[in-house]
Amino acid sequence: MGPTLLSGSNSTPRKPLFKRRRLASLDDRPTLTPAAPDIASQAHADHLKKLLSENGGRLVCSSCQRALSARPEAVVICARCLSATCPICTRTCTAPPQSYPPTPDLTYSPTPAPSPTSNYKRTALGSTPINIVPIFSTLGYFPGATKKRKEDDKSRDRDEDFGEDDAARKGCNRLICKGCCEESWQSGLSTCLDCYPHM
């Protein structure tokens, strides 16, 4: 004989499984009127449709030649050449602003001699604190200053440096492909070819 199932007296009747409520069909849901899309996203979608129709429904990154999905959020349109670019190959123009007044061109003429400074020995002879402090400040030493800085001072200096560095990296902030920019690995700046001649 085959195996038999034993049903003991200690078995309890099972409860029926909890059934989930059936969701309402799509027809029963209230319809929401979509908000009007903004002009920039509409222009992006229109240009994306144009690129899709020109390339037979397939998009390829202009820099790395990788196939792109047709989802609008996965494709970046280069602001300079209007080609499709993947988010990995996209760069932001971070050219430093042009100096004002413009930096003069380099010449081979000799540099002028530095202007004569005040005689430190003569100033040191008058040993009043008003006369001594300018000498020490030019040498980078301040009497009474501690050599060890507090932790708060270090973090404050880093924050101030970060703010100045951020301000120096403005550029036109356009999204461009790798082919339309000049990258500097030393400074980490990407400059679009429109801003590059102005540097």
N, C-alpha and C. Protein backbone atom coordinates (compact mmCIF):
# COMPACT_ATOMS: atom_id res chain seq x y z
N MET A 1 0.83 -1.16 0.00
CA MET A 1 0.00 0.00 0.00
C MET A 1 0.88 1.23 0.00
N GLY A 2 0.32 2.29 -0.52
CA GLY A 2 1.05 3.54 -0.61
C GLY A 2 1.00 4.30 0.69
N PRO A 3 1.68 5.40 0.71
CA PRO A 3 1.69 6.20 1.93
C PRO A 3 0.31 6.79 2.21
N THR A 4 -0.01 6.86 3.42
CA THR A 4 -1.30 7.40 3.82
C THR A 4 -1.09 8.69 4.58
N LEU A 5 -2.03 9.55 4.44
CA LEU A 5 -2.00 10.81 5.17
C LEU A 5 -2.70 10.63 6.49
N LEU A 6 -2.04 11.03 7.52
CA LEU A 6 -2.65 10.92 8.83
C LEU A 6 -3.24 12.26 9.21
N SER A 7 -4.43 12.22 9.60
CA SER A 7 -5.04 13.45 10.07
C SER A 7 -5.28 13.27 11.55
N GLY A 8 -4.51 13.93 12.31
CA GLY A 8 -4.62 13.80 13.75
C GLY A 8 -5.74 14.65 14.30
N SER A 9 -6.03 14.44 15.53
CA SER A 9 -7.10 15.19 16.16
C SER A 9 -6.65 16.60 16.52
N ASN A 10 -5.32 16.82 16.51
CA ASN A 10 -4.83 18.15 16.88
C ASN A 10 -4.80 19.10 15.70
N SER A 11 -5.20 18.68 14.54
CA SER A 11 -5.22 19.58 13.38
C SER A 11 -6.43 20.50 13.47
N THR A 12 -6.22 21.75 13.16
CA THR A 12 -7.30 22.73 13.23
C THR A 12 -7.74 23.07 11.82
N PRO A 13 -8.97 23.42 11.69
CA PRO A 13 -9.43 23.79 10.34
C PRO A 13 -8.76 25.11 9.92
N ARG A 14 -8.35 25.14 8.69
CA ARG A 14 -7.65 26.33 8.20
C ARG A 14 -8.64 27.41 7.81
N LYS A 15 -8.16 28.66 7.98
CA LYS A 15 -8.97 29.79 7.53
C LYS A 15 -8.77 29.95 6.04
N PRO A 16 -9.76 30.41 5.35
CA PRO A 16 -9.54 30.66 3.92
C PRO A 16 -8.55 31.82 3.75
N LEU A 17 -7.78 31.76 2.68
CA LEU A 17 -6.80 32.81 2.42
C LEU A 17 -7.49 34.15 2.20
N PHE A 18 -6.79 35.18 2.62
CA PHE A 18 -7.33 36.53 2.46
C PHE A 18 -7.25 36.92 0.99
N LYS A 19 -8.36 37.26 0.41
CA LYS A 19 -8.39 37.64 -1.00
C LYS A 19 -8.28 39.16 -1.10
N ARG A 20 -7.44 39.56 -2.03
CA ARG A 20 -7.28 40.99 -2.24
C ARG A 20 -8.47 41.53 -3.00
N ARG A 21 -8.78 42.75 -2.68
CA ARG A 21 -9.89 43.42 -3.34
C ARG A 21 -9.49 43.70 -4.78
N ARG A 22 -10.38 43.48 -5.69
CA ARG A 22 -10.11 43.72 -7.09
C ARG A 22 -10.11 45.22 -7.35
N LEU A 23 -9.09 45.68 -8.06
CA LEU A 23 -8.99 47.10 -8.35
C LEU A 23 -10.01 47.49 -9.40
N ALA A 24 -10.42 48.71 -9.33
CA ALA A 24 -11.40 49.21 -10.29
C ALA A 24 -10.77 49.21 -11.69
N SER A 25 -11.58 49.04 -12.67
CA SER A 25 -11.06 49.03 -14.04
C SER A 25 -10.69 50.45 -14.46
N LEU A 26 -9.99 50.56 -15.56
CA LEU A 26 -9.55 51.87 -16.03
C LEU A 26 -10.72 52.78 -16.39
N ASP A 27 -11.82 52.18 -16.80
CA ASP A 27 -12.97 52.99 -17.20
C ASP A 27 -13.63 53.68 -16.01
N ASP A 28 -13.55 53.04 -14.82
CA ASP A 28 -14.21 53.60 -13.64
C ASP A 28 -13.42 54.72 -12.98
N ARG A 29 -12.14 54.85 -13.31
CA ARG A 29 -11.31 55.86 -12.66
C ARG A 29 -11.63 57.25 -13.18
N PRO A 30 -11.53 58.25 -12.32
CA PRO A 30 -11.74 59.62 -12.81
C PRO A 30 -10.56 60.03 -13.69
N THR A 31 -10.87 60.75 -14.72
CA THR A 31 -9.81 61.17 -15.64
C THR A 31 -9.24 62.50 -15.18
N LEU A 32 -7.93 62.59 -15.19
CA LEU A 32 -7.24 63.82 -14.83
C LEU A 32 -6.78 64.49 -16.10
N THR A 33 -6.93 65.78 -16.14
CA THR A 33 -6.43 66.50 -17.31
C THR A 33 -4.95 66.77 -17.08
N PRO A 34 -4.09 66.35 -18.00
CA PRO A 34 -2.66 66.57 -17.81
C PRO A 34 -2.32 68.05 -17.90
N ALA A 35 -1.33 68.44 -17.12
CA ALA A 35 -0.87 69.83 -17.15
C ALA A 35 -0.18 70.09 -18.48
N ALA A 36 -0.24 71.31 -18.91
CA ALA A 36 0.39 71.67 -20.18
C ALA A 36 1.91 71.54 -20.04
N PRO A 37 2.57 70.80 -20.95
CA PRO A 37 4.02 70.65 -20.85
C PRO A 37 4.72 71.97 -21.13
N ASP A 38 5.84 72.17 -20.47
CA ASP A 38 6.57 73.41 -20.71
C ASP A 38 7.22 73.38 -22.09
N ILE A 39 7.60 74.54 -22.57
CA ILE A 39 8.08 74.69 -23.95
C ILE A 39 9.40 73.95 -24.15
N ALA A 40 10.28 73.97 -23.15
CA ALA A 40 11.59 73.34 -23.31
C ALA A 40 11.46 71.83 -23.45
N SER A 41 10.63 71.19 -22.61
CA SER A 41 10.48 69.74 -22.72
C SER A 41 9.75 69.37 -24.00
N GLN A 42 8.83 70.21 -24.45
CA GLN A 42 8.13 69.94 -25.70
C GLN A 42 9.10 70.05 -26.88
N ALA A 43 9.98 71.04 -26.87
CA ALA A 43 10.97 71.18 -27.94
C ALA A 43 11.94 70.01 -27.92
N HIS A 44 12.31 69.55 -26.74
CA HIS A 44 13.20 68.39 -26.61
C HIS A 44 12.54 67.15 -27.19
N ALA A 45 11.26 66.93 -26.86
CA ALA A 45 10.54 65.77 -27.37
C ALA A 45 10.37 65.85 -28.88
N ASP A 46 10.09 67.04 -29.40
CA ASP A 46 9.95 67.20 -30.85
C ASP A 46 11.26 66.91 -31.57
N HIS A 47 12.37 67.41 -31.03
CA HIS A 47 13.66 67.16 -31.67
C HIS A 47 14.03 65.69 -31.57
N LEU A 48 13.66 65.04 -30.47
CA LEU A 48 13.91 63.61 -30.32
C LEU A 48 13.12 62.81 -31.35
N LYS A 49 11.86 63.18 -31.58
CA LYS A 49 11.05 62.51 -32.61
C LYS A 49 11.67 62.70 -33.99
N LYS A 50 12.19 63.90 -34.24
CA LYS A 50 12.82 64.17 -35.53
C LYS A 50 14.06 63.30 -35.72
N LEU A 51 14.89 63.19 -34.67
CA LEU A 51 16.07 62.34 -34.75
C LEU A 51 15.71 60.88 -34.94
N LEU A 52 14.65 60.43 -34.27
CA LEU A 52 14.20 59.05 -34.42
C LEU A 52 13.74 58.77 -35.84
N SER A 53 13.00 59.71 -36.43
CA SER A 53 12.52 59.49 -37.79
C SER A 53 13.66 59.54 -38.80
N GLU A 54 14.67 60.38 -38.57
CA GLU A 54 15.81 60.46 -39.49
C GLU A 54 16.67 59.20 -39.45
N ASN A 55 16.78 58.58 -38.28
CA ASN A 55 17.66 57.43 -38.12
C ASN A 55 16.93 56.10 -38.13
N GLY A 56 15.75 56.06 -38.62
CA GLY A 56 15.01 54.81 -38.71
C GLY A 56 14.58 54.24 -37.38
N GLY A 57 14.31 55.07 -36.41
CA GLY A 57 13.82 54.62 -35.11
C GLY A 57 14.91 54.21 -34.14
N ARG A 58 16.18 54.35 -34.52
CA ARG A 58 17.29 53.99 -33.63
C ARG A 58 18.12 55.22 -33.33
N LEU A 59 18.44 55.40 -32.08
CA LEU A 59 19.30 56.50 -31.68
C LEU A 59 20.65 55.96 -31.22
N VAL A 60 21.70 56.65 -31.63
CA VAL A 60 23.06 56.27 -31.26
C VAL A 60 23.75 57.50 -30.69
N CYS A 61 24.51 57.32 -29.62
CA CYS A 61 25.25 58.43 -29.03
C CYS A 61 26.28 58.93 -30.03
N SER A 62 26.35 60.23 -30.21
CA SER A 62 27.28 60.80 -31.19
C SER A 62 28.73 60.68 -30.75
N SER A 63 28.99 60.45 -29.47
CA SER A 63 30.37 60.35 -28.98
C SER A 63 30.86 58.91 -28.89
N CYS A 64 30.11 58.05 -28.22
CA CYS A 64 30.58 56.68 -27.99
C CYS A 64 29.91 55.66 -28.89
N GLN A 65 28.97 56.05 -29.71
CA GLN A 65 28.27 55.19 -30.65
C GLN A 65 27.47 54.09 -29.95
N ARG A 66 27.10 54.28 -28.71
CA ARG A 66 26.30 53.31 -27.98
C ARG A 66 24.83 53.53 -28.32
N ALA A 67 24.07 52.44 -28.45
CA ALA A 67 22.65 52.55 -28.74
C ALA A 67 21.93 53.16 -27.54
N LEU A 68 21.02 54.07 -27.83
CA LEU A 68 20.27 54.76 -26.79
C LEU A 68 18.83 54.31 -26.81
N SER A 69 18.19 54.32 -25.66
CA SER A 69 16.77 54.04 -25.63
C SER A 69 16.02 55.28 -26.08
N ALA A 70 14.80 55.09 -26.48
CA ALA A 70 14.03 56.22 -27.00
C ALA A 70 13.32 56.99 -25.89
N ARG A 71 13.59 56.64 -24.64
CA ARG A 71 12.98 57.39 -23.54
C ARG A 71 13.57 58.79 -23.50
N PRO A 72 12.78 59.80 -23.40
CA PRO A 72 13.30 61.18 -23.42
C PRO A 72 14.27 61.48 -22.28
N GLU A 73 14.10 60.86 -21.12
CA GLU A 73 14.99 61.18 -20.01
C GLU A 73 16.36 60.51 -20.15
N ALA A 74 16.50 59.53 -21.05
CA ALA A 74 17.78 58.84 -21.24
C ALA A 74 18.60 59.45 -22.36
N VAL A 75 18.07 60.43 -23.06
CA VAL A 75 18.76 61.03 -24.19
C VAL A 75 18.96 62.51 -23.90
N VAL A 76 20.19 62.98 -24.09
CA VAL A 76 20.51 64.39 -23.93
C VAL A 76 20.83 64.94 -25.31
N ILE A 77 20.24 66.07 -25.64
CA ILE A 77 20.50 66.72 -26.92
C ILE A 77 21.60 67.76 -26.70
N CYS A 78 22.68 67.65 -27.47
CA CYS A 78 23.79 68.59 -27.35
C CYS A 78 23.30 69.98 -27.75
N ALA A 79 23.61 70.97 -26.93
CA ALA A 79 23.14 72.33 -27.19
C ALA A 79 23.88 72.98 -28.35
N ARG A 80 25.02 72.43 -28.75
CA ARG A 80 25.81 73.04 -29.82
C ARG A 80 25.54 72.40 -31.17
N CYS A 81 25.62 71.06 -31.26
CA CYS A 81 25.45 70.39 -32.56
C CYS A 81 24.09 69.71 -32.70
N LEU A 82 23.26 69.73 -31.67
CA LEU A 82 21.92 69.16 -31.66
C LEU A 82 21.90 67.67 -31.99
N SER A 83 22.93 66.94 -31.58
CA SER A 83 22.95 65.49 -31.78
C SER A 83 22.59 64.80 -30.47
N ALA A 84 22.13 63.55 -30.60
CA ALA A 84 21.76 62.77 -29.41
C ALA A 84 23.02 62.29 -28.70
N THR A 85 23.00 62.37 -27.38
CA THR A 85 24.15 62.01 -26.56
C THR A 85 23.66 61.25 -25.34
N CYS A 86 24.43 60.24 -24.93
CA CYS A 86 24.06 59.53 -23.70
C CYS A 86 24.48 60.36 -22.49
N PRO A 87 23.88 60.12 -21.34
CA PRO A 87 24.24 60.92 -20.15
C PRO A 87 25.70 60.77 -19.73
N ILE A 88 26.35 59.65 -20.08
CA ILE A 88 27.75 59.46 -19.70
C ILE A 88 28.66 60.38 -20.49
N CYS A 89 28.36 60.58 -21.77
CA CYS A 89 29.21 61.41 -22.64
C CYS A 89 28.83 62.88 -22.58
N THR A 90 27.85 63.23 -21.80
CA THR A 90 27.42 64.62 -21.70
C THR A 90 28.36 65.40 -20.79
N ARG A 91 28.70 66.60 -21.18
CA ARG A 91 29.54 67.49 -20.38
C ARG A 91 28.79 68.80 -20.18
N THR A 92 29.14 69.52 -19.13
CA THR A 92 28.59 70.84 -18.86
C THR A 92 29.71 71.85 -19.02
N CYS A 93 29.45 72.92 -19.76
CA CYS A 93 30.47 73.94 -19.98
C CYS A 93 30.74 74.66 -18.67
N THR A 94 31.96 74.52 -18.18
CA THR A 94 32.36 75.15 -16.92
C THR A 94 33.55 76.07 -17.13
N ALA A 95 33.57 76.74 -18.26
CA ALA A 95 34.68 77.64 -18.57
C ALA A 95 34.74 78.75 -17.55
N PRO A 96 35.94 79.13 -17.13
CA PRO A 96 36.03 80.25 -16.20
C PRO A 96 35.63 81.54 -16.92
N PRO A 97 35.06 82.48 -16.20
CA PRO A 97 34.67 83.71 -16.86
C PRO A 97 35.88 84.47 -17.37
N GLN A 98 35.66 85.23 -18.42
CA GLN A 98 36.74 85.99 -19.02
C GLN A 98 37.21 87.06 -18.03
N SER A 99 38.52 87.22 -17.93
CA SER A 99 39.05 88.19 -16.98
C SER A 99 38.77 89.61 -17.47
N TYR A 100 38.53 90.51 -16.52
CA TYR A 100 38.26 91.89 -16.88
C TYR A 100 39.20 92.78 -16.11
N PRO A 101 40.00 93.57 -16.68
CA PRO A 101 40.20 93.75 -18.12
C PRO A 101 40.90 92.52 -18.69
N PRO A 102 40.78 92.29 -20.00
CA PRO A 102 41.38 91.10 -20.59
C PRO A 102 42.88 91.05 -20.34
N THR A 103 43.36 89.84 -20.15
CA THR A 103 44.79 89.65 -19.91
C THR A 103 45.56 90.02 -21.16
N PRO A 104 46.59 90.85 -21.06
CA PRO A 104 47.34 91.24 -22.26
C PRO A 104 48.13 90.06 -22.81
N ASP A 105 48.40 90.10 -24.11
CA ASP A 105 49.19 89.05 -24.75
C ASP A 105 50.61 89.09 -24.20
N LEU A 106 51.24 87.93 -24.20
CA LEU A 106 52.62 87.85 -23.72
C LEU A 106 53.56 88.52 -24.71
N THR A 107 54.55 89.20 -24.18
CA THR A 107 55.57 89.84 -25.02
C THR A 107 56.93 89.39 -24.55
N TYR A 108 57.92 89.59 -25.39
CA TYR A 108 59.28 89.22 -25.03
C TYR A 108 60.07 90.40 -24.46
N SER A 109 59.40 91.48 -24.14
CA SER A 109 60.08 92.63 -23.55
C SER A 109 60.44 92.31 -22.10
N PRO A 110 61.52 92.90 -21.60
CA PRO A 110 61.91 92.61 -20.21
C PRO A 110 60.86 93.15 -19.24
N THR A 111 60.74 92.47 -18.15
CA THR A 111 59.78 92.90 -17.14
C THR A 111 60.34 94.08 -16.37
N PRO A 112 59.50 95.00 -15.96
CA PRO A 112 60.01 96.15 -15.21
C PRO A 112 60.49 95.70 -13.83
N ALA A 113 61.43 96.43 -13.30
CA ALA A 113 61.98 96.14 -11.98
C ALA A 113 60.91 96.38 -10.93
N PRO A 114 60.90 95.58 -9.88
CA PRO A 114 59.90 95.80 -8.85
C PRO A 114 60.14 97.13 -8.15
N SER A 115 59.06 97.71 -7.68
CA SER A 115 59.19 99.01 -7.01
C SER A 115 59.93 98.83 -5.70
N PRO A 116 60.76 99.77 -5.34
CA PRO A 116 61.53 99.63 -4.09
C PRO A 116 60.58 99.68 -2.89
N THR A 117 60.84 98.80 -1.96
CA THR A 117 60.02 98.76 -0.75
C THR A 117 60.71 99.56 0.34
N SER A 118 60.01 99.76 1.40
CA SER A 118 60.59 100.54 2.49
C SER A 118 61.73 99.74 3.14
N ASN A 119 62.68 100.42 3.68
CA ASN A 119 63.84 99.79 4.31
C ASN A 119 63.41 99.19 5.65
N TYR A 120 63.54 97.85 5.78
CA TYR A 120 63.09 97.17 6.99
C TYR A 120 63.96 97.52 8.19
N LYS A 121 65.25 97.73 7.98
CA LYS A 121 66.12 98.07 9.10
C LYS A 121 65.73 99.40 9.70
N ARG A 122 65.42 100.32 8.84
CA ARG A 122 65.06 101.65 9.33
C ARG A 122 63.74 101.57 10.12
N THR A 123 62.78 100.78 9.61
CA THR A 123 61.51 100.66 10.30
C THR A 123 61.69 99.93 11.62
N ALA A 124 62.57 98.93 11.64
CA ALA A 124 62.76 98.15 12.86
C ALA A 124 63.43 98.97 13.96
N LEU A 125 64.13 100.04 13.59
CA LEU A 125 64.77 100.85 14.62
C LEU A 125 63.74 101.51 15.52
N GLY A 126 62.66 101.92 14.95
CA GLY A 126 61.58 102.44 15.78
C GLY A 126 60.75 101.25 16.21
N SER A 127 60.98 100.71 17.40
CA SER A 127 60.42 99.42 17.79
C SER A 127 59.04 99.54 18.42
N THR A 128 58.22 100.36 17.87
CA THR A 128 56.85 100.43 18.35
C THR A 128 56.03 99.36 17.64
N PRO A 129 54.98 98.85 18.25
CA PRO A 129 54.19 97.80 17.61
C PRO A 129 53.61 98.23 16.26
N ILE A 130 53.36 99.49 16.08
CA ILE A 130 52.82 99.95 14.80
C ILE A 130 53.84 99.75 13.69
N ASN A 131 55.12 99.91 13.99
CA ASN A 131 56.17 99.74 12.99
C ASN A 131 56.55 98.28 12.78
N ILE A 132 56.42 97.44 13.79
CA ILE A 132 56.88 96.05 13.69
C ILE A 132 55.87 95.16 12.97
N VAL A 133 54.59 95.35 13.16
CA VAL A 133 53.58 94.47 12.57
C VAL A 133 53.67 94.40 11.05
N PRO A 134 53.89 95.51 10.30
CA PRO A 134 53.99 95.36 8.85
C PRO A 134 55.17 94.49 8.42
N ILE A 135 56.27 94.50 9.16
CA ILE A 135 57.43 93.66 8.81
C ILE A 135 57.06 92.19 8.95
N PHE A 136 56.45 91.83 10.08
CA PHE A 136 56.11 90.44 10.31
C PHE A 136 55.02 89.97 9.35
N SER A 137 54.10 90.84 8.99
CA SER A 137 53.02 90.41 8.10
C SER A 137 53.55 90.11 6.70
N THR A 138 54.59 90.83 6.24
CA THR A 138 55.15 90.52 4.92
C THR A 138 55.95 89.23 4.96
N LEU A 139 56.49 88.87 6.12
CA LEU A 139 57.24 87.62 6.25
C LEU A 139 56.33 86.44 6.55
N GLY A 140 55.05 86.67 6.79
CA GLY A 140 54.12 85.60 7.09
C GLY A 140 54.11 85.18 8.55
N TYR A 141 54.68 85.99 9.42
CA TYR A 141 54.73 85.67 10.84
C TYR A 141 54.04 86.78 11.61
N PHE A 142 53.18 86.40 12.50
CA PHE A 142 52.49 87.38 13.32
C PHE A 142 52.82 87.08 14.78
N PRO A 143 53.36 88.04 15.51
CA PRO A 143 53.68 87.79 16.91
C PRO A 143 52.42 87.46 17.69
N GLY A 144 52.53 86.46 18.54
CA GLY A 144 51.41 86.09 19.39
C GLY A 144 50.44 85.13 18.72
N ALA A 145 50.63 84.82 17.45
CA ALA A 145 49.72 83.90 16.78
C ALA A 145 50.11 82.47 17.11
N THR A 146 49.13 81.62 17.34
CA THR A 146 49.43 80.22 17.64
C THR A 146 49.68 79.46 16.35
N LYS A 147 50.53 78.45 16.44
CA LYS A 147 50.86 77.68 15.24
C LYS A 147 49.77 76.66 14.95
N LYS A 148 49.15 76.12 15.99
CA LYS A 148 48.12 75.12 15.78
C LYS A 148 46.78 75.81 15.65
N ARG A 149 46.05 75.45 14.60
CA ARG A 149 44.74 76.07 14.40
C ARG A 149 43.67 75.19 15.02
N LYS A 150 42.62 75.80 15.39
CA LYS A 150 41.49 75.06 15.91
C LYS A 150 40.76 74.40 14.75
N GLU A 151 40.03 73.33 15.05
CA GLU A 151 39.33 72.57 14.01
C GLU A 151 38.28 73.42 13.31
N ASP A 152 37.62 74.31 14.05
CA ASP A 152 36.59 75.16 13.44
C ASP A 152 37.19 76.07 12.38
N ASP A 153 38.40 76.57 12.62
CA ASP A 153 39.04 77.46 11.65
C ASP A 153 39.34 76.73 10.35
N LYS A 154 39.78 75.48 10.44
CA LYS A 154 40.10 74.71 9.24
C LYS A 154 38.85 74.49 8.39
N SER A 155 37.76 74.08 9.04
CA SER A 155 36.55 73.81 8.27
C SER A 155 36.00 75.10 7.67
N ARG A 156 36.12 76.21 8.39
CA ARG A 156 35.63 77.48 7.85
C ARG A 156 36.44 77.88 6.63
N ASP A 157 37.78 77.68 6.68
CA ASP A 157 38.61 78.01 5.54
C ASP A 157 38.28 77.15 4.34
N ARG A 158 38.00 75.87 4.57
CA ARG A 158 37.65 74.99 3.45
C ARG A 158 36.35 75.44 2.80
N ASP A 159 35.37 75.83 3.62
CA ASP A 159 34.11 76.30 3.06
C ASP A 159 34.30 77.56 2.24
N GLU A 160 35.13 78.48 2.74
CA GLU A 160 35.37 79.71 1.99
C GLU A 160 36.08 79.41 0.68
N ASP A 161 37.05 78.49 0.70
CA ASP A 161 37.75 78.13 -0.53
C ASP A 161 36.80 77.49 -1.52
N PHE A 162 35.88 76.65 -1.04
CA PHE A 162 34.94 75.99 -1.94
C PHE A 162 34.04 77.01 -2.61
N GLY A 163 33.61 78.01 -1.88
CA GLY A 163 32.75 79.04 -2.46
C GLY A 163 33.47 79.83 -3.54
N GLU A 164 34.74 80.16 -3.30
CA GLU A 164 35.50 80.89 -4.31
C GLU A 164 35.74 80.03 -5.54
N ASP A 165 36.01 78.74 -5.33
CA ASP A 165 36.27 77.84 -6.45
C ASP A 165 35.00 77.66 -7.26
N ASP A 166 33.85 77.57 -6.57
CA ASP A 166 32.58 77.44 -7.29
C ASP A 166 32.31 78.66 -8.15
N ALA A 167 32.59 79.84 -7.63
CA ALA A 167 32.32 81.06 -8.38
C ALA A 167 33.21 81.15 -9.60
N ALA A 168 34.40 80.57 -9.52
CA ALA A 168 35.33 80.64 -10.65
C ALA A 168 34.94 79.68 -11.77
N ARG A 169 34.10 78.69 -11.48
CA ARG A 169 33.73 77.69 -12.48
C ARG A 169 32.32 77.93 -12.99
N LYS A 170 32.07 79.05 -13.58
CA LYS A 170 30.73 79.35 -14.06
C LYS A 170 30.50 78.78 -15.44
N GLY A 171 31.04 79.39 -16.47
CA GLY A 171 30.82 78.95 -17.83
C GLY A 171 29.40 79.26 -18.28
N CYS A 172 29.06 78.75 -19.46
CA CYS A 172 27.71 79.00 -19.98
C CYS A 172 26.73 77.93 -19.50
N ASN A 173 27.22 76.86 -18.84
CA ASN A 173 26.40 75.80 -18.23
C ASN A 173 25.51 75.06 -19.21
N ARG A 174 25.85 75.05 -20.49
CA ARG A 174 25.07 74.29 -21.46
C ARG A 174 25.51 72.84 -21.44
N LEU A 175 24.58 71.92 -21.73
CA LEU A 175 24.91 70.51 -21.85
C LEU A 175 25.39 70.25 -23.27
N ILE A 176 26.60 69.72 -23.39
CA ILE A 176 27.20 69.50 -24.69
C ILE A 176 27.78 68.09 -24.74
N CYS A 177 28.04 67.61 -25.97
CA CYS A 177 28.65 66.29 -26.13
C CYS A 177 30.17 66.41 -26.03
N LYS A 178 30.85 65.27 -25.98
CA LYS A 178 32.31 65.29 -25.85
C LYS A 178 32.98 65.86 -27.09
N GLY A 179 32.33 65.76 -28.24
CA GLY A 179 32.91 66.29 -29.47
C GLY A 179 32.86 67.80 -29.56
N CYS A 180 31.99 68.43 -28.80
CA CYS A 180 31.82 69.89 -28.87
C CYS A 180 32.48 70.60 -27.69
N CYS A 181 33.40 69.94 -27.00
CA CYS A 181 34.04 70.60 -25.86
C CYS A 181 35.52 70.28 -25.83
N GLU A 182 36.22 71.08 -25.10
CA GLU A 182 37.65 70.90 -24.85
C GLU A 182 37.78 70.63 -23.36
N GLU A 183 38.31 69.45 -23.00
CA GLU A 183 38.40 69.07 -21.60
C GLU A 183 39.82 69.20 -21.09
N SER A 184 39.96 69.63 -19.87
CA SER A 184 41.26 69.71 -19.22
C SER A 184 41.26 68.76 -18.04
N TRP A 185 42.06 67.72 -18.10
CA TRP A 185 42.09 66.75 -17.01
C TRP A 185 42.82 67.32 -15.80
N GLN A 186 43.64 68.34 -15.99
CA GLN A 186 44.36 68.92 -14.86
C GLN A 186 43.44 69.73 -13.97
N SER A 187 42.61 70.56 -14.59
CA SER A 187 41.73 71.42 -13.79
C SER A 187 40.32 70.86 -13.68
N GLY A 188 39.97 69.87 -14.49
CA GLY A 188 38.63 69.31 -14.44
C GLY A 188 37.59 70.17 -15.12
N LEU A 189 38.01 71.11 -15.95
CA LEU A 189 37.07 72.01 -16.62
C LEU A 189 36.74 71.47 -18.00
N SER A 190 35.50 71.66 -18.41
CA SER A 190 35.07 71.37 -19.77
C SER A 190 34.60 72.68 -20.38
N THR A 191 35.15 73.03 -21.52
CA THR A 191 34.82 74.29 -22.16
C THR A 191 34.22 74.00 -23.52
N CYS A 192 33.02 74.52 -23.78
CA CYS A 192 32.42 74.30 -25.09
C CYS A 192 33.21 75.09 -26.13
N LEU A 193 33.13 74.65 -27.38
CA LEU A 193 33.91 75.28 -28.43
C LEU A 193 33.42 76.70 -28.74
N ASP A 194 32.22 77.06 -28.28
CA ASP A 194 31.76 78.44 -28.44
C ASP A 194 32.45 79.37 -27.45
N CYS A 195 32.70 78.89 -26.22
CA CYS A 195 33.36 79.71 -25.20
C CYS A 195 34.87 79.63 -25.30
N TYR A 196 35.42 78.61 -25.96
CA TYR A 196 36.86 78.39 -25.98
C TYR A 196 37.64 79.54 -26.61
N PRO A 197 37.20 80.14 -27.74
CA PRO A 197 37.98 81.26 -28.31
C PRO A 197 38.01 82.49 -27.42
N HIS A 198 37.06 82.63 -26.51
CA HIS A 198 36.99 83.82 -25.66
C HIS A 198 37.89 83.71 -24.44
N MET A 199 38.52 82.56 -24.25
CA MET A 199 39.36 82.37 -23.06
C MET A 199 40.71 83.03 -23.24
